[in-house]
Amino acid sequence: TDYRWHYDVTPNKRALAVRYGAQEVDRRFVGQLMI
């Protein structure tokens, strides 16, 4: 029932994720997504 599922990623993996098409968002957006 946990709705806060995610992976923690390091700065290098974050940069790769953005290159692969991940959308960059702020903490507030993630909070709203969890709600």
PDB file of all heavy atoms in Angstrom:
ATOM      1  N   THR A   1       0.814  -1.220   0.000  1.00  0.00           N
ATOM      2  CA  THR A   1       0.000   0.000   0.000  1.00  0.00           C
ATOM      3  C   THR A   1       0.845   1.267   0.000  1.00  0.00           C
ATOM      4  O   THR A   1       0.302   2.364   0.022  1.00  0.00           O
ATOM      5  CB  THR A   1      -0.944   0.027   1.215  1.00  0.00           C
ATOM      6  OG1 THR A   1      -0.147   0.005   2.407  1.00  0.00           O
ATOM      7  CG2 THR A   1      -1.904  -1.145   1.192  1.00  0.00           C
ATOM      8  N   ASP A   2       2.179   1.127  -0.010  1.00  0.00           N
ATOM      9  CA  ASP A   2       3.058   2.294  -0.007  1.00  0.00           C
ATOM     10  C   ASP A   2       2.995   2.984  -1.365  1.00  0.00           C
ATOM     11  O   ASP A   2       3.236   2.375  -2.400  1.00  0.00           O
ATOM     12  CB  ASP A   2       4.489   1.874   0.308  1.00  0.00           C
ATOM     13  CG  ASP A   2       5.437   3.058   0.451  1.00  0.00           C
ATOM     14  OD1 ASP A   2       4.964   4.205   0.500  1.00  0.00           O
ATOM     15  OD2 ASP A   2       6.656   2.825   0.510  1.00  0.00           O
ATOM     16  N   TYR A   3       2.667   4.252  -1.356  1.00  0.00           N
ATOM     17  CA  TYR A   3       2.523   5.036  -2.591  1.00  0.00           C
ATOM     18  C   TYR A   3       3.762   5.873  -2.880  1.00  0.00           C
ATOM     19  O   TYR A   3       3.804   6.614  -3.848  1.00  0.00           O
ATOM     20  CB  TYR A   3       1.292   5.955  -2.487  1.00  0.00           C
ATOM     21  CG  TYR A   3       1.312   6.800  -1.231  1.00  0.00           C
ATOM     22  CD1 TYR A   3       1.941   8.032  -1.207  1.00  0.00           C
ATOM     23  CD2 TYR A   3       0.722   6.345  -0.060  1.00  0.00           C
ATOM     24  CE1 TYR A   3       1.988   8.792  -0.060  1.00  0.00           C
ATOM     25  CE2 TYR A   3       0.750   7.099   1.093  1.00  0.00           C
ATOM     26  CZ  TYR A   3       1.379   8.316   1.087  1.00  0.00           C
ATOM     27  OH  TYR A   3       1.436   9.071   2.233  1.00  0.00           O
ATOM     28  N   ARG A   4       4.805   5.745  -2.082  1.00  0.00           N
ATOM     29  CA  ARG A   4       6.004   6.575  -2.241  1.00  0.00           C
ATOM     30  C   ARG A   4       7.139   5.833  -2.939  1.00  0.00           C
ATOM     31  O   ARG A   4       8.306   6.141  -2.738  1.00  0.00           O
ATOM     32  CB  ARG A   4       6.461   7.054  -0.863  1.00  0.00           C
ATOM     33  CG  ARG A   4       5.423   7.960  -0.206  1.00  0.00           C
ATOM     34  CD  ARG A   4       5.722   8.150   1.233  1.00  0.00           C
ATOM     35  NE  ARG A   4       5.564   6.848   1.893  1.00  0.00           N
ATOM     36  CZ  ARG A   4       5.566   6.671   3.198  1.00  0.00           C
ATOM     37  NH1 ARG A   4       5.759   7.667   3.998  1.00  0.00           N
ATOM     38  NH2 ARG A   4       5.404   5.468   3.707  1.00  0.00           N
ATOM     39  N   TRP A   5       6.818   4.860  -3.771  1.00  0.00           N
ATOM     40  CA  TRP A   5       7.834   4.018  -4.404  1.00  0.00           C
ATOM     41  C   TRP A   5       8.729   4.816  -5.345  1.00  0.00           C
ATOM     42  O   TRP A   5       8.273   5.710  -6.045  1.00  0.00           O
ATOM     43  CB  TRP A   5       7.185   2.835  -5.116  1.00  0.00           C
ATOM     44  CG  TRP A   5       5.913   3.123  -5.847  1.00  0.00           C
ATOM     45  CD1 TRP A   5       4.647   3.004  -5.374  1.00  0.00           C
ATOM     46  CD2 TRP A   5       5.783   3.563  -7.200  1.00  0.00           C
ATOM     47  NE1 TRP A   5       3.730   3.346  -6.339  1.00  0.00           N
ATOM     48  CE2 TRP A   5       4.411   3.693  -7.477  1.00  0.00           C
ATOM     49  CE3 TRP A   5       6.692   3.857  -8.202  1.00  0.00           C
ATOM     50  CZ2 TRP A   5       3.924   4.100  -8.711  1.00  0.00           C
ATOM     51  CZ3 TRP A   5       6.212   4.276  -9.441  1.00  0.00           C
ATOM     52  CH2 TRP A   5       4.835   4.383  -9.675  1.00  0.00           C
ATOM     53  N   HIS A   6      10.027   4.457  -5.315  1.00  0.00           N
ATOM     54  CA  HIS A   6      11.023   5.177  -6.102  1.00  0.00           C
ATOM     55  C   HIS A   6      12.365   4.455  -6.031  1.00  0.00           C
ATOM     56  O   HIS A   6      12.533   3.497  -5.286  1.00  0.00           O
ATOM     57  CB  HIS A   6      11.198   6.601  -5.566  1.00  0.00           C
ATOM     58  CG  HIS A   6      11.809   6.638  -4.196  1.00  0.00           C
ATOM     59  ND1 HIS A   6      11.084   6.382  -3.047  1.00  0.00           N
ATOM     60  CD2 HIS A   6      13.083   6.868  -3.786  1.00  0.00           C
ATOM     61  CE1 HIS A   6      11.876   6.466  -2.001  1.00  0.00           C
ATOM     62  NE2 HIS A   6      13.106   6.759  -2.420  1.00  0.00           N
ATOM     63  N   TYR A   7      13.308   4.955  -6.789  1.00  0.00           N
ATOM     64  CA  TYR A   7      14.716   4.585  -6.671  1.00  0.00           C
ATOM     65  C   TYR A   7      15.463   5.850  -6.266  1.00  0.00           C
ATOM     66  O   TYR A   7      15.129   6.946  -6.719  1.00  0.00           O
ATOM     67  CB  TYR A   7      15.293   4.126  -8.011  1.00  0.00           C
ATOM     68  CG  TYR A   7      14.877   2.760  -8.479  1.00  0.00           C
ATOM     69  CD1 TYR A   7      13.725   2.584  -9.233  1.00  0.00           C
ATOM     70  CD2 TYR A   7      15.660   1.639  -8.199  1.00  0.00           C
ATOM     71  CE1 TYR A   7      13.351   1.324  -9.675  1.00  0.00           C
ATOM     72  CE2 TYR A   7      15.296   0.382  -8.647  1.00  0.00           C
ATOM     73  CZ  TYR A   7      14.138   0.226  -9.385  1.00  0.00           C
ATOM     74  OH  TYR A   7      13.776  -1.013  -9.834  1.00  0.00           O
ATOM     75  N   ASP A   8      16.484   5.699  -5.437  1.00  0.00           N
ATOM     76  CA  ASP A   8      17.414   6.801  -5.190  1.00  0.00           C
ATOM     77  C   ASP A   8      18.506   6.689  -6.237  1.00  0.00           C
ATOM     78  O   ASP A   8      19.005   5.593  -6.504  1.00  0.00           O
ATOM     79  CB  ASP A   8      18.044   6.691  -3.798  1.00  0.00           C
ATOM     80  CG  ASP A   8      17.058   6.990  -2.679  1.00  0.00           C
ATOM     81  OD1 ASP A   8      16.011   7.609  -2.946  1.00  0.00           O
ATOM     82  OD2 ASP A   8      17.346   6.602  -1.537  1.00  0.00           O
ATOM     83  N   VAL A   9      18.872   7.814  -6.841  1.00  0.00           N
ATOM     84  CA  VAL A   9      19.920   7.795  -7.860  1.00  0.00           C
ATOM     85  C   VAL A   9      20.949   8.885  -7.584  1.00  0.00           C
ATOM     86  O   VAL A   9      20.624   9.958  -7.104  1.00  0.00           O
ATOM     87  CB  VAL A   9      19.364   7.929  -9.302  1.00  0.00           C
ATOM     88  CG1 VAL A   9      18.535   6.726  -9.676  1.00  0.00           C
ATOM     89  CG2 VAL A   9      18.543   9.176  -9.475  1.00  0.00           C
ATOM     90  N   THR A  10      22.184   8.563  -7.913  1.00  0.00           N
ATOM     91  CA  THR A  10      23.300   9.485  -7.725  1.00  0.00           C
ATOM     92  C   THR A  10      23.283  10.538  -8.841  1.00  0.00           C
ATOM     93  O   THR A  10      22.591  10.377  -9.854  1.00  0.00           O
ATOM     94  CB  THR A  10      24.622   8.711  -7.755  1.00  0.00           C
ATOM     95  OG1 THR A  10      24.735   8.062  -9.031  1.00  0.00           O
ATOM     96  CG2 THR A  10      24.701   7.696  -6.629  1.00  0.00           C
ATOM     97  N   PRO A  11      24.070  11.608  -8.680  1.00  0.00           N
ATOM     98  CA  PRO A  11      24.101  12.647  -9.720  1.00  0.00           C
ATOM     99  C   PRO A  11      24.449  12.106 -11.112  1.00  0.00           C
ATOM    100  O   PRO A  11      23.867  12.553 -12.104  1.00  0.00           O
ATOM    101  CB  PRO A  11      25.157  13.623  -9.212  1.00  0.00           C
ATOM    102  CG  PRO A  11      25.078  13.497  -7.717  1.00  0.00           C
ATOM    103  CD  PRO A  11      24.822  12.023  -7.488  1.00  0.00           C
ATOM    104  N   ASN A  12      25.384  11.165 -11.205  1.00  0.00           N
ATOM    105  CA  ASN A  12      25.746  10.617 -12.514  1.00  0.00           C
ATOM    106  C   ASN A  12      24.580   9.867 -13.151  1.00  0.00           C
ATOM    107  O   ASN A  12      24.324   9.997 -14.352  1.00  0.00           O
ATOM    108  CB  ASN A  12      26.962   9.702 -12.403  1.00  0.00           C
ATOM    109  CG  ASN A  12      28.236  10.473 -12.136  1.00  0.00           C
ATOM    110  OD1 ASN A  12      28.301  11.674 -12.363  1.00  0.00           O
ATOM    111  ND2 ASN A  12      29.236   9.788 -11.629  1.00  0.00           N
ATOM    112  N   LYS A  13      23.882   9.057 -12.350  1.00  0.00           N
ATOM    113  CA  LYS A  13      22.720   8.316 -12.874  1.00  0.00           C
ATOM    114  C   LYS A  13      21.585   9.274 -13.209  1.00  0.00           C
ATOM    115  O   LYS A  13      20.830   9.052 -14.148  1.00  0.00           O
ATOM    116  CB  LYS A  13      22.246   7.261 -11.877  1.00  0.00           C
ATOM    117  CG  LYS A  13      23.196   6.100 -11.720  1.00  0.00           C
ATOM    118  CD  LYS A  13      23.248   5.243 -12.972  1.00  0.00           C
ATOM    119  CE  LYS A  13      24.139   4.029 -12.748  1.00  0.00           C
ATOM    120  NZ  LYS A  13      24.224   3.181 -13.923  1.00  0.00           N
ATOM    121  N   ARG A  14      21.467  10.368 -12.455  1.00  0.00           N
ATOM    122  CA  ARG A  14      20.439  11.362 -12.757  1.00  0.00           C
ATOM    123  C   ARG A  14      20.690  11.975 -14.133  1.00  0.00           C
ATOM    124  O   ARG A  14      19.774  12.126 -14.942  1.00  0.00           O
ATOM    125  CB  ARG A  14      20.418  12.459 -11.699  1.00  0.00           C
ATOM    126  CG  ARG A  14      19.326  13.497 -11.945  1.00  0.00           C
ATOM    127  CD  ARG A  14      19.476  14.693 -11.014  1.00  0.00           C
ATOM    128  NE  ARG A  14      18.332  15.569 -11.090  1.00  0.00           N
ATOM    129  CZ  ARG A  14      18.131  16.472 -12.042  1.00  0.00           C
ATOM    130  NH1 ARG A  14      19.012  16.596 -13.027  1.00  0.00           N
ATOM    131  NH2 ARG A  14      17.055  17.228 -12.038  1.00  0.00           N
ATOM    132  N   ALA A  15      21.946  12.339 -14.392  1.00  0.00           N
ATOM    133  CA  ALA A  15      22.295  12.923 -15.691  1.00  0.00           C
ATOM    134  C   ALA A  15      21.976  11.949 -16.820  1.00  0.00           C
ATOM    135  O   ALA A  15      21.441  12.347 -17.863  1.00  0.00           O
ATOM    136  CB  ALA A  15      23.774  13.306 -15.714  1.00  0.00           C
ATOM    137  N   LEU A  16      22.272  10.669 -16.614  1.00  0.00           N
ATOM    138  CA  LEU A  16      21.959   9.652 -17.620  1.00  0.00           C
ATOM    139  C   LEU A  16      20.449   9.524 -17.800  1.00  0.00           C
ATOM    140  O   LEU A  16      19.949   9.424 -18.919  1.00  0.00           O
ATOM    141  CB  LEU A  16      22.571   8.307 -17.216  1.00  0.00           C
ATOM    142  CG  LEU A  16      22.426   7.162 -18.198  1.00  0.00           C
ATOM    143  CD1 LEU A  16      23.071   7.503 -19.544  1.00  0.00           C
ATOM    144  CD2 LEU A  16      23.043   5.889 -17.608  1.00  0.00           C
ATOM    145  N   ALA A  17      19.711   9.565 -16.696  1.00  0.00           N
ATOM    146  CA  ALA A  17      18.245   9.477 -16.767  1.00  0.00           C
ATOM    147  C   ALA A  17      17.670  10.624 -17.594  1.00  0.00           C
ATOM    148  O   ALA A  17      16.770  10.424 -18.414  1.00  0.00           O
ATOM    149  CB  ALA A  17      17.647   9.479 -15.364  1.00  0.00           C
ATOM    150  N   VAL A  18      18.189  11.817 -17.394  1.00  0.00           N
ATOM    151  CA  VAL A  18      17.720  12.978 -18.161  1.00  0.00           C
ATOM    152  C   VAL A  18      18.056  12.784 -19.645  1.00  0.00           C
ATOM    153  O   VAL A  18      17.220  13.067 -20.511  1.00  0.00           O
ATOM    154  CB  VAL A  18      18.324  14.284 -17.598  1.00  0.00           C
ATOM    155  CG1 VAL A  18      18.041  15.466 -18.519  1.00  0.00           C
ATOM    156  CG2 VAL A  18      17.785  14.547 -16.195  1.00  0.00           C
ATOM    157  N   ARG A  19      19.247  12.267 -19.948  1.00  0.00           N
ATOM    158  CA  ARG A  19      19.599  11.996 -21.352  1.00  0.00           C
ATOM    159  C   ARG A  19      18.659  10.969 -21.963  1.00  0.00           C
ATOM    160  O   ARG A  19      18.347  11.035 -23.142  1.00  0.00           O
ATOM    161  CB  ARG A  19      21.052  11.519 -21.463  1.00  0.00           C
ATOM    162  CG  ARG A  19      22.059  12.634 -21.415  1.00  0.00           C
ATOM    163  CD  ARG A  19      23.414  12.241 -21.969  1.00  0.00           C
ATOM    164  NE  ARG A  19      24.047  11.107 -21.321  1.00  0.00           N
ATOM    165  CZ  ARG A  19      24.783  11.171 -20.223  1.00  0.00           C
ATOM    166  NH1 ARG A  19      24.988  12.334 -19.648  1.00  0.00           N
ATOM    167  NH2 ARG A  19      25.326  10.091 -19.710  1.00  0.00           N
ATOM    168  N   TYR A  20      18.191  10.015 -21.167  1.00  0.00           N
ATOM    169  CA  TYR A  20      17.270   8.986 -21.655  1.00  0.00           C
ATOM    170  C   TYR A  20      15.820   9.449 -21.696  1.00  0.00           C
ATOM    171  O   TYR A  20      14.944   8.708 -22.096  1.00  0.00           O
ATOM    172  CB  TYR A  20      17.364   7.732 -20.798  1.00  0.00           C
ATOM    173  CG  TYR A  20      18.600   6.898 -20.996  1.00  0.00           C
ATOM    174  CD1 TYR A  20      18.871   5.846 -20.136  1.00  0.00           C
ATOM    175  CD2 TYR A  20      19.509   7.139 -22.023  1.00  0.00           C
ATOM    176  CE1 TYR A  20      19.996   5.053 -20.293  1.00  0.00           C
ATOM    177  CE2 TYR A  20      20.639   6.362 -22.186  1.00  0.00           C
ATOM    178  CZ  TYR A  20      20.872   5.317 -21.321  1.00  0.00           C
ATOM    179  OH  TYR A  20      21.996   4.536 -21.488  1.00  0.00           O
ATOM    180  N   GLY A  21      15.565  10.681 -21.236  1.00  0.00           N
ATOM    181  CA  GLY A  21      14.218  11.229 -21.369  1.00  0.00           C
ATOM    182  C   GLY A  21      13.429  11.434 -20.095  1.00  0.00           C
ATOM    183  O   GLY A  21      12.249  11.794 -20.154  1.00  0.00           O
ATOM    184  N   ALA A  22      14.037  11.244 -18.934  1.00  0.00           N
ATOM    185  CA  ALA A  22      13.327  11.512 -17.680  1.00  0.00           C
ATOM    186  C   ALA A  22      13.027  12.996 -17.576  1.00  0.00           C
ATOM    187  O   ALA A  22      13.850  13.834 -17.965  1.00  0.00           O
ATOM    188  CB  ALA A  22      14.147  11.054 -16.480  1.00  0.00           C
ATOM    189  N   GLN A  23      11.875  13.320 -17.073  1.00  0.00           N
ATOM    190  CA  GLN A  23      11.474  14.715 -16.922  1.00  0.00           C
ATOM    191  C   GLN A  23      12.024  15.248 -15.602  1.00  0.00           C
ATOM    192  O   GLN A  23      11.812  14.645 -14.543  1.00  0.00           O
ATOM    193  CB  GLN A  23       9.945  14.826 -16.937  1.00  0.00           C
ATOM    194  CG  GLN A  23       9.451  16.243 -16.839  1.00  0.00           C
ATOM    195  CD  GLN A  23       7.941  16.313 -16.916  1.00  0.00           C
ATOM    196  OE1 GLN A  23       7.285  15.412 -17.418  1.00  0.00           O
ATOM    197  NE2 GLN A  23       7.381  17.397 -16.410  1.00  0.00           N
ATOM    198  N   GLU A  24      12.722  16.377 -15.664  1.00  0.00           N
ATOM    199  CA  GLU A  24      13.264  16.999 -14.462  1.00  0.00           C
ATOM    200  C   GLU A  24      12.149  17.749 -13.740  1.00  0.00           C
ATOM    201  O   GLU A  24      11.460  18.566 -14.341  1.00  0.00           O
ATOM    202  CB  GLU A  24      14.389  17.963 -14.813  1.00  0.00           C
ATOM    203  CG  GLU A  24      15.597  17.274 -15.427  1.00  0.00           C
ATOM    204  CD  GLU A  24      16.676  18.255 -15.818  1.00  0.00           C
ATOM    205  OE1 GLU A  24      16.592  18.790 -16.942  1.00  0.00           O
ATOM    206  OE2 GLU A  24      17.588  18.483 -14.994  1.00  0.00           O
ATOM    207  N   VAL A  25      11.974  17.438 -12.458  1.00  0.00           N
ATOM    208  CA  VAL A  25      10.932  18.068 -11.649  1.00  0.00           C
ATOM    209  C   VAL A  25      11.534  18.466 -10.303  1.00  0.00           C
ATOM    210  O   VAL A  25      12.640  18.069  -9.965  1.00  0.00           O
ATOM    211  CB  VAL A  25       9.730  17.119 -11.437  1.00  0.00           C
ATOM    212  CG1 VAL A  25       9.057  16.787 -12.768  1.00  0.00           C
ATOM    213  CG2 VAL A  25      10.147  15.845 -10.712  1.00  0.00           C
ATOM    214  N   ASP A  26      10.774  19.244  -9.529  1.00  0.00           N
ATOM    215  CA  ASP A  26      11.247  19.612  -8.195  1.00  0.00           C
ATOM    216  C   ASP A  26      10.570  18.745  -7.138  1.00  0.00           C
ATOM    217  O   ASP A  26       9.686  17.942  -7.435  1.00  0.00           O
ATOM    218  CB  ASP A  26      11.025  21.105  -7.931  1.00  0.00           C
ATOM    219  CG  ASP A  26       9.563  21.511  -7.973  1.00  0.00           C
ATOM    220  OD1 ASP A  26       8.675  20.638  -8.017  1.00  0.00           O
ATOM    221  OD2 ASP A  26       9.298  22.726  -7.955  1.00  0.00           O
ATOM    222  N   ARG A  27      10.991  18.907  -5.883  1.00  0.00           N
ATOM    223  CA  ARG A  27      10.443  18.111  -4.782  1.00  0.00           C
ATOM    224  C   ARG A  27       8.946  18.325  -4.619  1.00  0.00           C
ATOM    225  O   ARG A  27       8.222  17.407  -4.263  1.00  0.00           O
ATOM    226  CB  ARG A  27      11.139  18.467  -3.468  1.00  0.00           C
ATOM    227  CG  ARG A  27      12.538  17.963  -3.383  1.00  0.00           C
ATOM    228  CD  ARG A  27      13.158  18.299  -2.055  1.00  0.00           C
ATOM    229  NE  ARG A  27      13.074  19.741  -1.824  1.00  0.00           N
ATOM    230  CZ  ARG A  27      13.205  20.325  -0.648  1.00  0.00           C
ATOM    231  NH1 ARG A  27      13.452  19.618   0.408  1.00  0.00           N
ATOM    232  NH2 ARG A  27      13.131  21.619  -0.525  1.00  0.00           N
ATOM    233  N   ARG A  28       8.498  19.527  -4.855  1.00  0.00           N
ATOM    234  CA  ARG A  28       7.064  19.838  -4.709  1.00  0.00           C
ATOM    235  C   ARG A  28       6.240  18.996  -5.692  1.00  0.00           C
ATOM    236  O   ARG A  28       5.192  18.465  -5.344  1.00  0.00           O
ATOM    237  CB  ARG A  28       6.825  21.322  -4.935  1.00  0.00           C
ATOM    238  CG  ARG A  28       5.352  21.693  -4.827  1.00  0.00           C
ATOM    239  CD  ARG A  28       5.145  23.162  -4.652  1.00  0.00           C
ATOM    240  NE  ARG A  28       5.367  23.441  -3.244  1.00  0.00           N
ATOM    241  CZ  ARG A  28       6.031  24.474  -2.776  1.00  0.00           C
ATOM    242  NH1 ARG A  28       6.539  25.348  -3.575  1.00  0.00           N
ATOM    243  NH2 ARG A  28       6.178  24.659  -1.484  1.00  0.00           N
ATOM    244  N   PHE A  29       6.712  18.863  -6.914  1.00  0.00           N
ATOM    245  CA  PHE A  29       6.011  18.045  -7.907  1.00  0.00           C
ATOM    246  C   PHE A  29       5.948  16.593  -7.442  1.00  0.00           C
ATOM    247  O   PHE A  29       4.904  15.951  -7.527  1.00  0.00           O
ATOM    248  CB  PHE A  29       6.699  18.127  -9.274  1.00  0.00           C
ATOM    249  CG  PHE A  29       6.058  17.262 -10.306  1.00  0.00           C
ATOM    250  CD1 PHE A  29       5.033  17.745 -11.095  1.00  0.00           C
ATOM    251  CD2 PHE A  29       6.455  15.942 -10.482  1.00  0.00           C
ATOM    252  CE1 PHE A  29       4.414  16.937 -12.040  1.00  0.00           C
ATOM    253  CE2 PHE A  29       5.849  15.126 -11.421  1.00  0.00           C
ATOM    254  CZ  PHE A  29       4.829  15.624 -12.201  1.00  0.00           C
ATOM    255  N   VAL A  30       7.076  16.082  -6.952  1.00  0.00           N
ATOM    256  CA  VAL A  30       7.106  14.694  -6.482  1.00  0.00           C
ATOM    257  C   VAL A  30       6.122  14.525  -5.323  1.00  0.00           C
ATOM    258  O   VAL A  30       5.406  13.535  -5.245  1.00  0.00           O
ATOM    259  CB  VAL A  30       8.535  14.264  -6.095  1.00  0.00           C
ATOM    260  CG1 VAL A  30       8.539  12.897  -5.440  1.00  0.00           C
ATOM    261  CG2 VAL A  30       9.428  14.256  -7.334  1.00  0.00           C
ATOM    262  N   GLY A  31       6.065  15.505  -4.431  1.00  0.00           N
ATOM    263  CA  GLY A  31       5.113  15.452  -3.327  1.00  0.00           C
ATOM    264  C   GLY A  31       3.676  15.388  -3.821  1.00  0.00           C
ATOM    265  O   GLY A  31       2.862  14.602  -3.319  1.00  0.00           O
ATOM    266  N   GLN A  32       3.348  16.193  -4.817  1.00  0.00           N
ATOM    267  CA  GLN A  32       1.993  16.174  -5.380  1.00  0.00           C
ATOM    268  C   GLN A  32       1.697  14.841  -6.066  1.00  0.00           C
ATOM    269  O   GLN A  32       0.584  14.330  -5.989  1.00  0.00           O
ATOM    270  CB  GLN A  32       1.819  17.335  -6.373  1.00  0.00           C
ATOM    271  CG  GLN A  32       1.803  18.703  -5.721  1.00  0.00           C
ATOM    272  CD  GLN A  32       0.668  18.857  -4.741  1.00  0.00           C
ATOM    273  OE1 GLN A  32      -0.464  18.476  -5.000  1.00  0.00           O
ATOM    274  NE2 GLN A  32       0.973  19.414  -3.580  1.00  0.00           N
ATOM    275  N   LEU A  33       2.704  14.286  -6.726  1.00  0.00           N
ATOM    276  CA  LEU A  33       2.539  12.976  -7.357  1.00  0.00           C
ATOM    277  C   LEU A  33       2.225  11.916  -6.303  1.00  0.00           C
ATOM    278  O   LEU A  33       1.334  11.083  -6.485  1.00  0.00           O
ATOM    279  CB  LEU A  33       3.814  12.606  -8.133  1.00  0.00           C
ATOM    280  CG  LEU A  33       3.833  11.249  -8.810  1.00  0.00           C
ATOM    281  CD1 LEU A  33       2.773  11.182  -9.904  1.00  0.00           C
ATOM    282  CD2 LEU A  33       5.212  10.974  -9.382  1.00  0.00           C
ATOM    283  N   MET A  34       2.916  11.980  -5.178  1.00  0.00           N
ATOM    284  CA  MET A  34       2.673  11.020  -4.103  1.00  0.00           C
ATOM    285  C   MET A  34       1.270  11.189  -3.518  1.00  0.00           C
ATOM    286  O   MET A  34       0.598  10.210  -3.204  1.00  0.00           O
ATOM    287  CB  MET A  34       3.721  11.165  -2.990  1.00  0.00           C
ATOM    288  CG  MET A  34       5.146  10.966  -3.436  1.00  0.00           C
ATOM    289  SD  MET A  34       5.439   9.374  -4.193  1.00  0.00           S
ATOM    290  CE  MET A  34       7.065   9.584  -4.859  1.00  0.00           C
ATOM    291  N   ILE A  35       0.811  12.421  -3.385  1.00  0.00           N
ATOM    292  CA  ILE A  35      -0.549  12.667  -2.887  1.00  0.00           C
ATOM    293  C   ILE A  35      -1.573  12.072  -3.851  1.00  0.00           C
ATOM    294  O   ILE A  35      -2.540  11.438  -3.429  1.00  0.00           O
ATOM    295  CB  ILE A  35      -0.792  14.174  -2.666  1.00  0.00           C
ATOM    296  CG1 ILE A  35      -0.001  14.652  -1.434  1.00  0.00           C
ATOM    297  CG2 ILE A  35      -2.284  14.462  -2.487  1.00  0.00           C
ATOM    298  CD1 ILE A  35      -0.001  16.149  -1.257  1.00  0.00           C
TER     299      ILE A  35
END
